[in-house]
């Protein structure tokens, strides 16, 4: 994307505000629907193994689509993808609403919905993440990402609290209807983005066939050639392998400390509250904070926190229960470093023409290795107890932070990449 076209692609507030608001509202209802899907599956089958099957199919679909979506997002008009994929997600939700309302909802429909949600939802999110740096000025990107994270966490907290009540009173049908309407709303607001802004930088407008695997191989070679990008992605995979077990530690910690399901709910809510606070700080006073240092600092914060909690639980200190609430809140705050500052840094440094595929490669690698890390962590919990595992995970997070300090440039001005290889000619616009 040339400098002149890049400048013209930035949206004015009159277009940017409704576009961002529409996308944020378009994702409202996701937690509602997840709770409704898994609760309905348990109600239909009466077996906990049904949840494992649904979760496994969903995770596999997310991993595959993470890799497939990159070439799609980088070759088709991203504005058009947001328009049509949101519409497809709306049809999926409205279809479930019709089945639930008429009493014909079955397990196979829930499986189909989760796979369909991955097929259409992953490229939708990737298209938005890829188009955002092309329509938002660089100096506003941290604030925008922070505000979007703040809205997402607030929405998740409200939906998590209200979903059980809605299911008990009216069943899953109203939840599916609400989600479908929100997806339709998100689809229409894509019209606030000019069609020209949705074209990936460096892609031709006309002529030629589409060669997604050739383009993907070009991007893989580009990642392998660029030392900074190679190190960032590999360290990100290691970070995901640490994050996945930590994310699922809340019920285990609650059980080990005798706090029951209520304690689990409190710990989970405190984590979301920590992310919300961190996102609000990032979108207000933190817009000019050094991105790399805050990103790595977040890992150090929750690494030290879980290391301390593991010691307290392992050695049976009486304050472990109180410390757990503080630690899971700090976990949420620390996650903001990666979710806002790390994400913004990558959005800024990646060439527009390769941005979607790099995101897809990163998503696929993380999704592929996280289940293995989670299985190993749970195995050690059963054998050695949650305290020892928390010590190991906390120490690993600190070692990873040290590796990032040693291997990555600490100054943002040194985060530069060489010119990427040319791609095959792109097809005509899709929207």
Protein backbone atom coordinates (compact mmCIF):
# COMPACT_ATOMS: atom_id res chain seq x y z
CA UNK A 1 0.00 0.00 0.00
CA UNK A 2 1.53 3.32 -1.05
CA UNK A 3 1.86 6.20 1.39
CA UNK A 4 -0.77 8.27 -0.42
CA UNK A 5 -3.32 5.48 -0.57
CA UNK A 6 -2.56 4.50 3.03
CA UNK A 7 -3.30 8.04 4.20
CA UNK A 8 -6.54 8.22 2.20
CA UNK A 9 -7.69 4.89 3.63
CA UNK A 10 -7.78 6.18 7.21
CA UNK A 11 -11.39 6.67 8.23
CA UNK A 12 -12.81 9.87 9.62
CA UNK A 13 -14.60 9.66 12.98
CA UNK A 14 -17.92 9.89 11.16
CA UNK A 15 -17.20 6.53 9.50
CA UNK A 16 -14.85 4.95 12.06
CA UNK A 17 -17.10 5.23 15.13
CA UNK A 18 -20.14 3.43 13.63
CA UNK A 19 -17.88 0.82 12.02
CA UNK A 20 -16.16 -0.05 15.31
CA UNK A 21 -19.40 0.13 17.29
CA UNK A 22 -21.10 -2.14 14.78
CA UNK A 23 -18.33 -4.72 14.91
CA UNK A 24 -18.30 -4.65 18.72
CA UNK A 25 -22.08 -5.07 18.90
CA UNK A 26 -21.91 -7.73 16.20
CA UNK A 27 -19.87 -9.86 18.60
CA UNK A 28 -22.30 -9.28 21.47
CA UNK A 29 -23.99 -12.53 22.36
CA UNK A 30 -20.99 -14.82 21.77
CA UNK A 31 -20.69 -15.81 25.46
CA UNK A 32 -24.48 -16.09 25.66
CA UNK A 33 -24.43 -18.56 22.79
CA UNK A 34 -21.45 -20.56 24.07
CA UNK A 35 -23.15 -21.08 27.43
CA UNK A 36 -26.41 -21.97 25.70
CA UNK A 37 -24.71 -24.45 23.35
CA UNK A 38 -22.82 -26.37 26.03
CA UNK A 39 -25.68 -26.32 28.53
CA UNK A 40 -28.14 -27.52 25.89
CA UNK A 41 -25.71 -30.28 24.87
CA UNK A 42 -25.51 -31.48 28.46
CA UNK A 43 -29.30 -31.33 28.78
CA UNK A 44 -29.84 -33.30 25.56
CA UNK A 45 -27.27 -36.03 26.23
CA UNK A 46 -27.06 -36.08 30.02
CA UNK A 47 -23.37 -37.00 29.71
CA UNK A 48 -20.32 -34.85 30.37
CA UNK A 49 -18.43 -36.59 27.55
CA UNK A 50 -20.69 -34.79 25.09
CA UNK A 51 -19.10 -31.51 26.15
CA UNK A 52 -15.63 -32.92 25.48
CA UNK A 53 -16.72 -33.98 21.99
CA UNK A 54 -18.18 -30.58 21.20
CA UNK A 55 -15.16 -28.78 22.60
CA UNK A 56 -12.74 -31.00 20.69
CA UNK A 57 -14.54 -30.53 17.37
CA UNK A 58 -14.68 -26.78 17.93
CA UNK A 59 -10.97 -26.54 18.83
CA UNK A 60 -9.98 -28.58 15.78
CA UNK A 61 -12.13 -26.44 13.50
CA UNK A 62 -10.65 -23.25 14.99
CA UNK A 63 -7.09 -24.54 14.44
CA UNK A 64 -7.71 -25.50 10.80
CA UNK A 65 -9.54 -22.28 10.01
CA UNK A 66 -6.77 -20.25 11.63
CA UNK A 67 -4.44 -21.51 8.89
CA UNK A 68 -6.98 -21.42 6.04
CA UNK A 69 -8.35 -17.95 6.83
CA UNK A 70 -5.05 -16.13 6.28
CA UNK A 71 -4.92 -16.63 2.47
CA UNK A 72 -8.63 -15.75 2.24
CA UNK A 73 -8.26 -12.52 4.20
CA UNK A 74 -5.20 -11.41 2.26
CA UNK A 75 -6.69 -12.07 -1.20
CA UNK A 76 -10.32 -10.97 -0.96
CA UNK A 77 -11.68 -7.57 -0.06
CA UNK A 78 -11.70 -7.47 3.75
CA UNK A 79 -14.66 -5.11 3.87
CA UNK A 80 -16.64 -7.56 1.72
CA UNK A 81 -15.62 -10.47 3.95
CA UNK A 82 -16.89 -8.64 7.04
CA UNK A 83 -20.18 -8.02 5.27
CA UNK A 84 -20.84 -11.53 3.98
CA UNK A 85 -19.32 -13.60 6.79
CA UNK A 86 -21.26 -11.72 9.47
CA UNK A 87 -24.35 -12.45 7.41
CA UNK A 88 -23.49 -16.17 7.30
CA UNK A 89 -23.02 -16.22 11.09
CA UNK A 90 -26.42 -14.55 11.45
CA UNK A 91 -28.05 -17.28 9.36
CA UNK A 92 -26.44 -19.98 11.53
CA UNK A 93 -27.77 -18.40 14.74
CA UNK A 94 -31.23 -17.77 13.30
CA UNK A 95 -31.33 -21.39 12.11
CA UNK A 96 -30.63 -22.60 15.66
CA UNK A 97 -33.32 -20.23 16.92
CA UNK A 98 -35.88 -21.78 14.56
CA UNK A 99 -34.90 -25.32 15.60
CA UNK A 100 -35.00 -24.47 19.32
CA UNK A 101 -38.30 -22.63 19.00
CA UNK A 102 -39.97 -25.55 17.23
CA UNK A 103 -38.49 -28.18 19.56
CA UNK A 104 -36.37 -29.89 16.87
CA UNK A 105 -32.93 -28.98 18.24
CA UNK A 106 -30.57 -32.01 18.35
CA UNK A 107 -26.91 -32.67 19.16
CA UNK A 108 -25.98 -32.81 15.47
CA UNK A 109 -27.25 -29.23 15.08
CA UNK A 110 -25.00 -28.05 17.92
CA UNK A 111 -22.00 -29.77 16.33
CA UNK A 112 -22.82 -28.15 13.00
CA UNK A 113 -23.21 -24.74 14.57
CA UNK A 114 -19.83 -24.81 16.36
CA UNK A 115 -18.01 -25.99 13.24
CA UNK A 116 -19.85 -23.36 11.17
CA UNK A 117 -19.02 -20.72 13.74
CA UNK A 118 -15.33 -21.56 13.32
CA UNK A 119 -15.57 -21.66 9.51
CA UNK A 120 -17.17 -18.20 9.30
CA UNK A 121 -16.11 -16.64 12.60
CA UNK A 122 -12.32 -17.08 12.38
CA UNK A 123 -11.95 -15.31 8.99
CA UNK A 124 -14.35 -12.61 10.22
CA UNK A 125 -12.17 -11.80 13.22
CA UNK A 126 -9.00 -12.06 11.12
CA UNK A 127 -10.42 -9.74 8.46
CA UNK A 128 -11.21 -7.15 11.13
CA UNK A 129 -7.78 -7.41 12.78
CA UNK A 130 -6.13 -7.10 9.36
CA UNK A 131 -8.16 -4.13 8.13
CA UNK A 132 -7.92 -2.16 11.38
CA UNK A 133 -4.34 -0.83 10.91
CA UNK A 134 -5.32 0.29 7.37
CA UNK A 135 -8.25 2.44 8.54
CA UNK A 136 -6.99 3.71 11.93
CA UNK A 137 -4.13 6.14 12.40
CA UNK A 138 -1.04 4.61 14.04
CA UNK A 139 -1.19 6.94 17.05
CA UNK A 140 -4.77 5.81 17.80
CA UNK A 141 -4.34 2.06 17.38
CA UNK A 142 -3.51 1.26 21.02
CA UNK A 143 -6.52 3.28 22.20
CA UNK A 144 -8.85 1.57 19.74
CA UNK A 145 -7.62 -1.92 20.67
CA UNK A 146 -7.92 -1.05 24.37
CA UNK A 147 -11.48 0.20 23.96
CA UNK A 148 -12.48 -2.89 21.99
CA UNK A 149 -10.99 -5.14 24.69
CA UNK A 150 -12.76 -3.11 27.39
CA UNK A 151 -16.10 -3.50 25.63
CA UNK A 152 -15.48 -7.22 25.08
CA UNK A 153 -14.69 -7.88 28.74
CA UNK A 154 -17.66 -5.82 29.96
CA UNK A 155 -19.94 -7.65 27.55
CA UNK A 156 -18.54 -11.03 28.63
CA UNK A 157 -19.08 -10.25 32.31
CA UNK A 158 -22.71 -9.23 31.71
CA UNK A 159 -23.46 -12.19 29.45
CA UNK A 160 -21.80 -14.71 31.79
CA UNK A 161 -23.94 -13.42 34.66
CA UNK A 162 -27.21 -13.26 32.69
CA UNK A 163 -26.99 -16.40 30.56
CA UNK A 164 -28.02 -18.80 33.31
CA UNK A 165 -31.08 -16.71 34.18
CA UNK A 166 -32.19 -16.47 30.54
CA UNK A 167 -31.77 -20.22 30.03
CA UNK A 168 -33.74 -21.02 33.18
CA UNK A 169 -36.63 -18.70 32.27
CA UNK A 170 -36.95 -18.97 28.49
CA UNK A 171 -34.54 -21.64 27.24
CA UNK A 172 -31.87 -21.21 24.52
CA UNK A 173 -34.11 -19.89 21.70
CA UNK A 174 -34.04 -16.16 22.71
CA UNK A 175 -30.24 -16.32 23.03
CA UNK A 176 -29.84 -17.64 19.48
CA UNK A 177 -32.24 -14.98 18.20
CA UNK A 178 -30.33 -12.20 19.96
CA UNK A 179 -27.01 -13.42 18.57
CA UNK A 180 -28.41 -13.61 15.04
CA UNK A 181 -29.72 -10.05 15.20
CA UNK A 182 -26.38 -8.76 16.50
CA UNK A 183 -24.53 -10.50 13.65
CA UNK A 184 -26.84 -8.84 11.13
CA UNK A 185 -26.14 -5.48 12.75
CA UNK A 186 -22.40 -6.08 12.51
CA UNK A 187 -22.75 -6.99 8.85
CA UNK A 188 -24.48 -3.76 7.85
CA UNK A 189 -21.96 -1.47 9.54
CA UNK A 190 -19.22 -2.75 7.20
CA UNK A 191 -20.73 -0.34 4.65
CA UNK A 192 -19.10 2.52 6.58
CA UNK A 193 -15.72 1.31 5.28
CA UNK A 194 -14.93 2.30 1.66
CA UNK A 195 -14.49 -0.64 -0.66
CA UNK A 196 -10.96 0.50 -1.53
CA UNK A 197 -9.90 0.32 2.13
CA UNK A 198 -10.63 -3.41 2.20
CA UNK A 199 -8.00 -4.32 -0.37
CA UNK A 200 -4.86 -5.83 1.15
CA UNK A 201 -1.82 -3.67 0.53
CA UNK A 202 0.30 -4.83 -2.35
CA UNK A 203 -2.50 -6.87 -3.94
CA UNK A 204 -3.50 -6.19 -7.49
CA UNK A 205 -7.13 -5.43 -8.23
CA UNK A 206 -7.58 -7.39 -11.44
CA UNK A 207 -6.52 -10.44 -13.38
CA UNK A 208 -4.91 -13.75 -12.65
CA UNK A 209 -6.04 -16.75 -10.68
CA UNK A 210 -6.02 -17.22 -6.95
CA UNK A 211 -3.23 -19.44 -5.62
CA UNK A 212 -3.75 -19.56 -1.83
CA UNK A 213 -1.21 -22.27 -1.07
CA UNK A 214 1.44 -20.56 -3.19
CA UNK A 215 0.77 -17.33 -1.30
CA UNK A 216 0.87 -19.19 2.01
CA UNK A 217 4.26 -20.71 1.09
CA UNK A 218 5.52 -17.24 0.20
CA UNK A 219 4.44 -15.96 3.61
CA UNK A 220 6.03 -18.94 5.39
CA UNK A 221 9.30 -18.21 3.59
CA UNK A 222 8.95 -14.56 4.53
CA UNK A 223 8.45 -15.48 8.21
CA UNK A 224 11.46 -17.81 8.14
CA UNK A 225 13.59 -15.16 6.44
CA UNK A 226 12.74 -12.37 8.90
CA UNK A 227 14.52 -13.06 12.18
CA UNK A 228 12.33 -10.65 14.18
CA UNK A 229 9.13 -12.20 12.88
CA UNK A 230 10.43 -15.74 13.33
CA UNK A 231 11.41 -15.11 16.93
CA UNK A 232 8.17 -13.30 17.74
CA UNK A 233 5.98 -16.12 16.44
CA UNK A 234 7.99 -18.92 18.09
CA UNK A 235 7.99 -17.10 21.43
CA UNK A 236 4.26 -16.56 20.96
CA UNK A 237 3.72 -20.29 20.56
CA UNK A 238 5.66 -20.90 23.79
CA UNK A 239 3.58 -18.21 25.50
CA UNK A 240 0.37 -19.89 24.33
CA UNK A 241 1.52 -23.21 25.77
CA UNK A 242 1.95 -21.50 29.16
CA UNK A 243 -1.23 -19.45 28.93
CA UNK A 244 -3.55 -22.38 28.10
CA UNK A 245 -2.95 -24.32 31.36
CA UNK A 246 -3.06 -21.11 33.41
CA UNK A 247 -6.43 -20.22 31.91
CA UNK A 248 -7.88 -23.51 33.14
CA UNK A 249 -6.31 -23.33 36.61
CA UNK A 250 -9.21 -21.45 38.24
CA UNK A 251 -11.43 -24.51 38.95
CA UNK A 252 -8.42 -26.54 40.14
CA UNK A 253 -7.24 -23.79 42.48
CA UNK A 254 -10.77 -23.35 43.81
CA UNK A 255 -11.08 -27.08 44.44
CA UNK A 256 -7.66 -27.31 46.10
CA UNK A 257 -8.54 -24.45 48.45
CA UNK A 258 -12.02 -25.81 49.23
CA UNK A 259 -13.84 -22.82 47.71
CA UNK A 260 -16.18 -24.89 45.54
CA UNK A 261 -18.00 -23.73 42.42
CA UNK A 262 -18.66 -20.30 43.90
CA UNK A 263 -14.95 -19.72 44.33
CA UNK A 264 -14.38 -20.80 40.73
CA UNK A 265 -16.92 -18.23 39.55
CA UNK A 266 -15.26 -15.50 41.61
CA UNK A 267 -11.78 -16.33 40.27
CA UNK A 268 -13.04 -16.34 36.68
CA UNK A 269 -14.84 -13.03 37.16
CA UNK A 270 -11.73 -11.47 38.74
CA UNK A 271 -9.66 -12.50 35.71
CA UNK A 272 -12.16 -10.83 33.37
CA UNK A 273 -12.22 -7.80 35.66
CA UNK A 274 -8.43 -7.60 35.49
CA UNK A 275 -8.48 -7.65 31.69
CA UNK A 276 -11.16 -4.96 31.76
CA UNK A 277 -9.09 -2.72 34.04
CA UNK A 278 -5.95 -3.27 31.97
CA UNK A 279 -7.82 -2.48 28.75
CA UNK A 280 -9.27 0.70 30.22
CA UNK A 281 -5.80 1.82 31.31
CA UNK A 282 -4.42 1.04 27.84
CA UNK A 283 -7.14 3.04 26.12
CA UNK A 284 -6.73 6.09 28.39
CA UNK A 285 -3.47 6.91 30.15
CA UNK A 286 -1.54 4.05 28.54
CA UNK A 287 -1.79 5.03 24.87
CA UNK A 288 1.82 6.27 24.83
CA UNK A 289 3.35 3.62 27.08
CA UNK A 290 6.23 1.65 25.46
CA UNK A 291 4.50 -1.29 23.82
CA UNK A 292 7.27 -3.89 24.07
CA UNK A 293 8.04 -3.20 27.73
CA UNK A 294 4.38 -3.24 28.78
CA UNK A 295 3.80 -6.42 26.77
CA UNK A 296 6.69 -8.25 28.46
CA UNK A 297 5.90 -6.63 31.81
CA UNK A 298 2.46 -8.24 31.73
CA UNK A 299 4.06 -11.68 31.46
CA UNK A 300 6.39 -10.90 34.36
CA UNK A 301 3.44 -9.71 36.46
CA UNK A 302 1.38 -12.87 36.20
CA UNK A 303 4.46 -15.13 36.17
CA UNK A 304 5.51 -13.80 39.58
CA UNK A 305 1.92 -13.93 40.81
CA UNK A 306 1.36 -17.60 39.95
CA UNK A 307 4.81 -18.53 41.24
CA UNK A 308 3.91 -16.98 44.62
CA UNK A 309 0.48 -18.63 44.65
CA UNK A 310 1.99 -22.02 43.88
CA UNK A 311 4.37 -21.66 46.84
CA UNK A 312 1.53 -20.62 49.15
CA UNK A 313 -0.68 -23.54 48.09
CA UNK A 314 2.14 -26.08 48.00
CA UNK A 315 3.31 -25.25 51.50
CA UNK A 316 -0.22 -24.85 52.89
CA UNK A 317 -0.10 -21.18 53.96
CA UNK A 318 -3.36 -19.90 55.41
CA UNK A 319 -3.36 -16.79 53.20
CA UNK A 320 -3.44 -18.88 49.99
CA UNK A 321 -7.21 -18.40 49.59
CA UNK A 322 -7.01 -14.61 49.78
CA UNK A 323 -3.91 -14.58 47.59
CA UNK A 324 -5.74 -16.56 44.88
CA UNK A 325 -8.26 -13.74 44.37
CA UNK A 326 -5.44 -11.20 43.98
CA UNK A 327 -3.42 -13.45 41.67
CA UNK A 328 -6.25 -14.15 39.23
CA UNK A 329 -7.06 -10.44 39.07
CA UNK A 330 -3.40 -9.69 38.29
CA UNK A 331 -3.51 -12.48 35.70
CA UNK A 332 -6.20 -10.54 33.86
CA UNK A 333 -4.28 -7.27 34.14
CA UNK A 334 -1.09 -8.92 32.87
CA UNK A 335 -2.88 -10.48 29.90
CA UNK A 336 -3.64 -6.97 28.65
CA UNK A 337 0.02 -6.60 27.69
CA UNK A 338 -0.33 -9.23 25.01
CA UNK A 339 -3.96 -8.63 24.06
CA UNK A 340 -3.54 -4.89 23.48
CA UNK A 341 0.12 -3.84 23.24
CA UNK A 342 1.53 -7.01 21.65
CA UNK A 343 -1.37 -7.22 19.18
CA UNK A 344 -1.03 -3.53 18.27
CA UNK A 345 2.71 -3.90 17.69
CA UNK A 346 2.18 -6.79 15.27
CA UNK A 347 -0.64 -4.98 13.46
CA UNK A 348 1.66 -2.00 12.89
CA UNK A 349 4.76 -3.89 11.76
CA UNK A 350 3.23 -6.54 9.48
CA UNK A 351 2.83 -5.69 5.78
CA UNK A 352 -0.85 -5.45 4.88
CA UNK A 353 -0.54 -7.96 2.03
CA UNK A 354 0.75 -10.69 4.41
CA UNK A 355 -0.97 -9.66 7.65
CA UNK A 356 -3.82 -12.17 7.53
CA UNK A 357 -1.61 -15.14 6.71
CA UNK A 358 0.89 -14.31 9.45
CA UNK A 359 -2.01 -14.07 11.94
CA UNK A 360 -3.30 -17.39 10.59
CA UNK A 361 0.06 -19.16 10.95
CA UNK A 362 0.40 -17.85 14.50
CA UNK A 363 -3.15 -18.91 15.39
CA UNK A 364 -2.68 -22.38 13.93
CA UNK A 365 0.61 -23.02 15.71
CA UNK A 366 -0.79 -21.86 19.05
CA UNK A 367 -3.98 -23.90 18.67
CA UNK A 368 -2.01 -26.99 17.65
CA UNK A 369 0.32 -27.02 20.66
CA UNK A 370 -1.98 -25.70 23.40
CA UNK A 371 -3.97 -28.96 23.83
CA UNK A 372 -0.69 -30.85 24.36
CA UNK A 373 0.48 -28.34 26.97
CA UNK A 374 -2.91 -28.48 28.68
CA UNK A 375 -2.90 -32.29 28.78
CA UNK A 376 0.61 -32.40 30.26
CA UNK A 377 -0.27 -29.78 32.89
CA UNK A 378 -3.41 -31.68 33.94
CA UNK A 379 -1.40 -34.91 34.15
CA UNK A 380 1.09 -33.27 36.51
CA UNK A 381 -1.76 -31.76 38.58
CA UNK A 382 -3.16 -35.27 39.15
CA UNK A 383 0.28 -36.62 40.10
CA UNK A 384 1.89 -33.74 42.01
CA UNK A 385 -0.84 -31.28 42.96
CA UNK A 386 -1.86 -27.87 41.69
CA UNK A 387 0.72 -25.97 43.76
CA UNK A 388 3.75 -27.59 42.07
CA UNK A 389 2.23 -27.04 38.62
CA UNK A 390 1.59 -23.36 39.36
CA UNK A 391 5.22 -22.98 40.43
CA UNK A 392 6.35 -24.57 37.18
CA UNK A 393 4.03 -22.45 35.02
CA UNK A 394 4.94 -19.23 36.86
CA UNK A 395 8.66 -19.94 36.49
CA UNK A 396 8.16 -20.78 32.81
CA UNK A 397 6.36 -17.46 32.25
CA UNK A 398 9.30 -15.62 33.84
CA UNK A 399 11.82 -17.54 31.72
CA UNK A 400 9.82 -16.71 28.61
CA UNK A 401 9.77 -13.04 29.56
CA UNK A 402 13.55 -13.19 29.95
CA UNK A 403 13.86 -14.81 26.52
CA UNK A 404 11.77 -12.03 25.00
CA UNK A 405 14.00 -9.40 26.61
CA UNK A 406 17.11 -11.10 25.20
CA UNK A 407 15.79 -11.94 21.73
CA UNK A 408 13.45 -9.05 20.85
CA UNK A 409 14.28 -5.34 20.44
CA UNK A 410 13.02 -3.27 23.36
CA UNK A 411 12.61 -0.08 21.31
CA UNK A 412 9.60 0.11 18.99
CA UNK A 413 11.61 1.93 16.30
CA UNK A 414 13.68 -1.22 15.81
CA UNK A 415 10.59 -3.28 14.98
CA UNK A 416 10.95 -3.10 11.20
CA UNK A 417 10.66 -5.75 8.50
CA UNK A 418 12.08 -6.01 5.00
CA UNK A 419 9.91 -5.65 1.91
CA UNK A 420 7.81 -8.83 1.54
CA UNK A 421 7.85 -10.97 -1.63
CA UNK A 422 5.34 -10.22 -4.37
CA UNK A 423 2.15 -12.26 -4.47
CA UNK A 424 0.23 -13.82 -7.33
CA UNK A 425 -2.35 -11.51 -8.95
CA UNK A 426 -5.48 -11.08 -6.86
CA UNK A 427 -9.09 -11.62 -8.01
CA UNK A 428 -11.60 -8.85 -8.37
CA UNK A 429 -13.21 -7.33 -5.29
CA UNK A 430 -15.82 -9.39 -3.47
CA UNK A 431 -17.63 -6.50 -1.78
